[in-house]
Amino acid sequence: MPLNRDDLLIRLGELDIKTTTVEHSAVFTVAESQSVEIPLPGAHTKNLFLKDERGTLVLVIAKSTTAVDLKALAKRLGMGRFSFGKPSLLMSTLGVTPGSVTAFAVANDIEGRVNVVIDEALMVHDSVNCHPLENTATTNIACEDLLRFIRSTGHEPSVMALTAGDIAARS
């Protein structure tokens, strides 16, 4: 069984990670979330669950305003053309449904299939806001604590530029 929100919050507590969670109506997209007032500091995230043509899985955790260049990112990572992972693959791998994709979902990837890529634009903030495995709430967590949580799941996140101009400048 995948972790649920309560399990996640217990796990964060066991890691001595402090968070603040705010309830709100369900939001399925970044555009929808902009119409909901979420009184939390820090950057808001968007998450992309991707699969390349060879079946390699990637979870991109980006700042909500970042325009992710998927073609350039795939090339930089040495992967094939990206497509979005199907809902059934998302559920079987990360234990969440579309609209609830979050950095916290890597805790459900017990086979270690998913590569985690984090937008460097998020890391300039003290904290970030992520769904706690469901899209009816948002959890604020310090950036360093998010990295620590992801590492505790056996994943080593890659922090990198995700916009076309930034990717080209670093290639």
Protein backbone atom coordinates (compact mmCIF):
# COMPACT_ATOMS: atom_id res chain seq x y z
CA MET A 1 0.00 0.00 0.00
CA PRO A 2 1.35 3.44 -0.86
CA LEU A 3 1.85 6.03 1.84
CA ASN A 4 -1.10 8.31 2.43
CA ARG A 5 -1.09 11.84 3.81
CA ASP A 6 -1.18 10.76 7.46
CA ASP A 7 1.69 8.29 6.89
CA LEU A 8 3.68 11.04 5.16
CA LEU A 9 3.26 13.50 8.03
CA ILE A 10 4.29 10.81 10.53
CA ARG A 11 7.39 10.04 8.44
CA LEU A 12 8.31 13.72 8.25
CA GLY A 13 7.95 13.92 12.03
CA GLU A 14 10.19 10.86 12.48
CA LEU A 15 12.83 12.69 10.43
CA ASP A 16 12.34 15.74 12.68
CA ILE A 17 11.22 17.79 9.67
CA LYS A 18 8.91 20.67 10.53
CA THR A 19 6.11 21.45 8.09
CA THR A 20 2.93 23.50 7.93
CA THR A 21 -0.08 22.17 6.04
CA VAL A 22 -3.03 24.24 4.84
CA GLU A 23 -6.32 22.73 3.66
CA HIS A 24 -7.99 24.02 0.49
CA SER A 25 -10.33 22.93 -2.27
CA ALA A 26 -8.99 20.34 -4.70
CA VAL A 27 -6.70 21.75 -7.39
CA PHE A 28 -5.51 19.74 -10.37
CA THR A 29 -3.29 22.24 -12.21
CA VAL A 30 -1.01 25.18 -11.46
CA ALA A 31 -3.59 27.45 -13.10
CA GLU A 32 -6.30 26.21 -10.72
CA SER A 33 -4.02 26.64 -7.71
CA GLN A 34 -3.56 30.32 -8.54
CA SER A 35 -7.24 30.90 -7.82
CA VAL A 36 -6.92 29.39 -4.33
CA GLU A 37 -5.49 31.51 -1.57
CA ILE A 38 -2.77 29.52 0.16
CA PRO A 39 -1.27 31.57 3.00
CA LEU A 40 2.17 29.97 3.03
CA PRO A 41 5.62 31.47 2.45
CA GLY A 42 7.98 30.08 -0.17
CA ALA A 43 7.77 28.97 -3.76
CA HIS A 44 4.93 26.90 -5.14
CA THR A 45 5.80 23.81 -7.14
CA LYS A 46 4.59 22.02 -10.22
CA ASN A 47 5.47 18.41 -10.83
CA LEU A 48 5.89 16.51 -14.08
CA PHE A 49 5.91 12.72 -14.19
CA LEU A 50 7.76 11.81 -17.37
CA LYS A 51 8.80 8.68 -19.22
CA ASP A 52 11.32 8.55 -22.03
CA GLU A 53 11.08 6.24 -25.03
CA ARG A 54 13.26 3.64 -23.26
CA GLY A 55 10.97 3.57 -20.22
CA THR A 56 13.18 5.64 -17.91
CA LEU A 57 11.04 7.54 -15.41
CA VAL A 58 11.66 11.09 -14.20
CA LEU A 59 9.86 13.25 -11.66
CA VAL A 60 10.53 16.92 -12.33
CA ILE A 61 9.88 19.21 -9.37
CA ALA A 62 9.81 22.76 -10.72
CA LYS A 63 8.91 26.21 -9.54
CA SER A 64 5.32 26.83 -10.64
CA THR A 65 6.42 29.65 -12.95
CA THR A 66 9.28 27.76 -14.64
CA ALA A 67 8.79 26.96 -18.32
CA VAL A 68 10.37 23.50 -18.46
CA ASP A 69 12.03 22.72 -21.80
CA LEU A 70 11.43 18.96 -21.98
CA LYS A 71 13.39 18.41 -25.19
CA ALA A 72 16.49 20.16 -23.85
CA LEU A 73 16.13 18.46 -20.46
CA ALA A 74 15.95 15.01 -22.05
CA LYS A 75 19.07 15.77 -24.07
CA ARG A 76 20.93 17.09 -21.03
CA LEU A 77 20.01 13.96 -19.05
CA GLY A 78 21.05 11.70 -21.92
CA MET A 79 17.53 10.35 -22.29
CA GLY A 80 15.15 9.84 -25.17
CA ARG A 81 12.12 11.96 -26.02
CA PHE A 82 9.85 12.54 -23.01
CA SER A 83 6.14 11.89 -22.78
CA PHE A 84 3.93 12.22 -19.74
CA GLY A 85 3.52 9.03 -17.75
CA LYS A 86 0.09 7.43 -17.93
CA PRO A 87 -2.14 7.59 -14.82
CA SER A 88 -1.81 3.83 -14.26
CA LEU A 89 2.01 4.08 -14.30
CA LEU A 90 1.85 7.10 -12.00
CA MET A 91 -0.29 5.19 -9.50
CA SER A 92 1.79 2.00 -9.64
CA THR A 93 5.09 3.86 -9.29
CA LEU A 94 4.40 6.92 -7.11
CA GLY A 95 1.07 5.94 -5.53
CA VAL A 96 -0.76 9.13 -6.51
CA THR A 97 -3.30 10.22 -9.10
CA PRO A 98 -2.96 13.02 -11.67
CA GLY A 99 -3.34 16.36 -9.92
CA SER A 100 -1.69 15.03 -6.77
CA VAL A 101 1.83 14.51 -8.13
CA THR A 102 4.31 15.81 -5.59
CA ALA A 103 7.92 15.56 -4.49
CA PHE A 104 6.71 13.58 -1.48
CA ALA A 105 5.46 10.77 -3.74
CA VAL A 106 9.00 9.42 -4.23
CA ALA A 107 8.50 7.75 -0.85
CA ASN A 108 6.16 5.35 -2.67
CA ASP A 109 8.80 4.45 -5.29
CA ILE A 110 10.23 1.60 -3.25
CA GLU A 111 11.83 0.03 -6.35
CA GLY A 112 13.86 3.20 -7.03
CA ARG A 113 12.64 3.48 -10.63
CA VAL A 114 12.15 7.25 -10.65
CA ASN A 115 14.92 9.79 -11.24
CA VAL A 116 14.27 13.04 -9.36
CA VAL A 117 15.13 16.38 -10.97
CA ILE A 118 14.63 19.61 -9.02
CA ASP A 119 14.49 23.07 -10.53
CA GLU A 120 17.41 25.14 -9.25
CA ALA A 121 15.00 28.13 -9.22
CA LEU A 122 13.28 26.48 -6.22
CA MET A 123 16.48 26.22 -4.24
CA VAL A 124 16.90 30.00 -3.94
CA HIS A 125 13.87 30.05 -1.63
CA ASP A 126 13.92 29.16 2.05
CA SER A 127 10.92 26.87 1.62
CA VAL A 128 8.65 25.30 -0.98
CA ASN A 129 5.02 24.22 -1.08
CA CYS A 130 3.98 20.74 -2.17
CA HIS A 131 0.82 18.62 -2.04
CA PRO A 132 1.00 16.10 0.84
CA LEU A 133 0.11 13.19 -1.50
CA GLU A 134 -3.35 14.66 -2.15
CA ASN A 135 -4.47 17.83 -3.89
CA THR A 136 -6.75 19.14 -1.16
CA ALA A 137 -3.92 20.57 0.92
CA THR A 138 -0.51 22.17 0.56
CA THR A 139 2.48 21.53 2.81
CA ASN A 140 5.28 24.04 3.32
CA ILE A 141 8.73 22.54 3.90
CA ALA A 142 12.22 24.04 4.07
CA CYS A 143 14.19 23.37 0.86
CA GLU A 144 16.99 21.61 2.71
CA ASP A 145 14.45 19.45 4.54
CA LEU A 146 12.81 18.50 1.24
CA LEU A 147 16.18 17.36 -0.08
CA ARG A 148 16.78 15.43 3.13
CA PHE A 149 13.36 13.77 2.86
CA ILE A 150 13.94 12.76 -0.77
CA ARG A 151 17.34 11.30 0.12
CA SER A 152 15.74 9.37 3.00
CA THR A 153 13.65 7.52 0.39
CA GLY A 154 16.78 6.29 -1.39
CA HIS A 155 16.63 8.85 -4.22
CA GLU A 156 19.43 11.29 -4.96
CA PRO A 157 17.88 14.41 -6.49
CA SER A 158 19.61 16.29 -9.28
CA VAL A 159 19.24 20.06 -8.91
CA MET A 160 19.54 21.82 -12.26
CA ALA A 161 18.29 24.57 -14.55
CA LEU A 162 15.11 23.64 -16.40
CA THR A 163 14.42 26.57 -18.72
CA ALA A 164 15.67 26.61 -22.30
CA GLY A 165 18.03 29.58 -21.88
CA ASP A 166 19.54 28.26 -18.67
CA ILE A 167 19.98 24.74 -20.09
CA ALA A 168 21.70 26.09 -23.22
CA ALA A 169 24.03 28.26 -21.14
CA ARG A 170 25.15 25.20 -19.14
CA SER A 171 25.50 22.77 -22.04
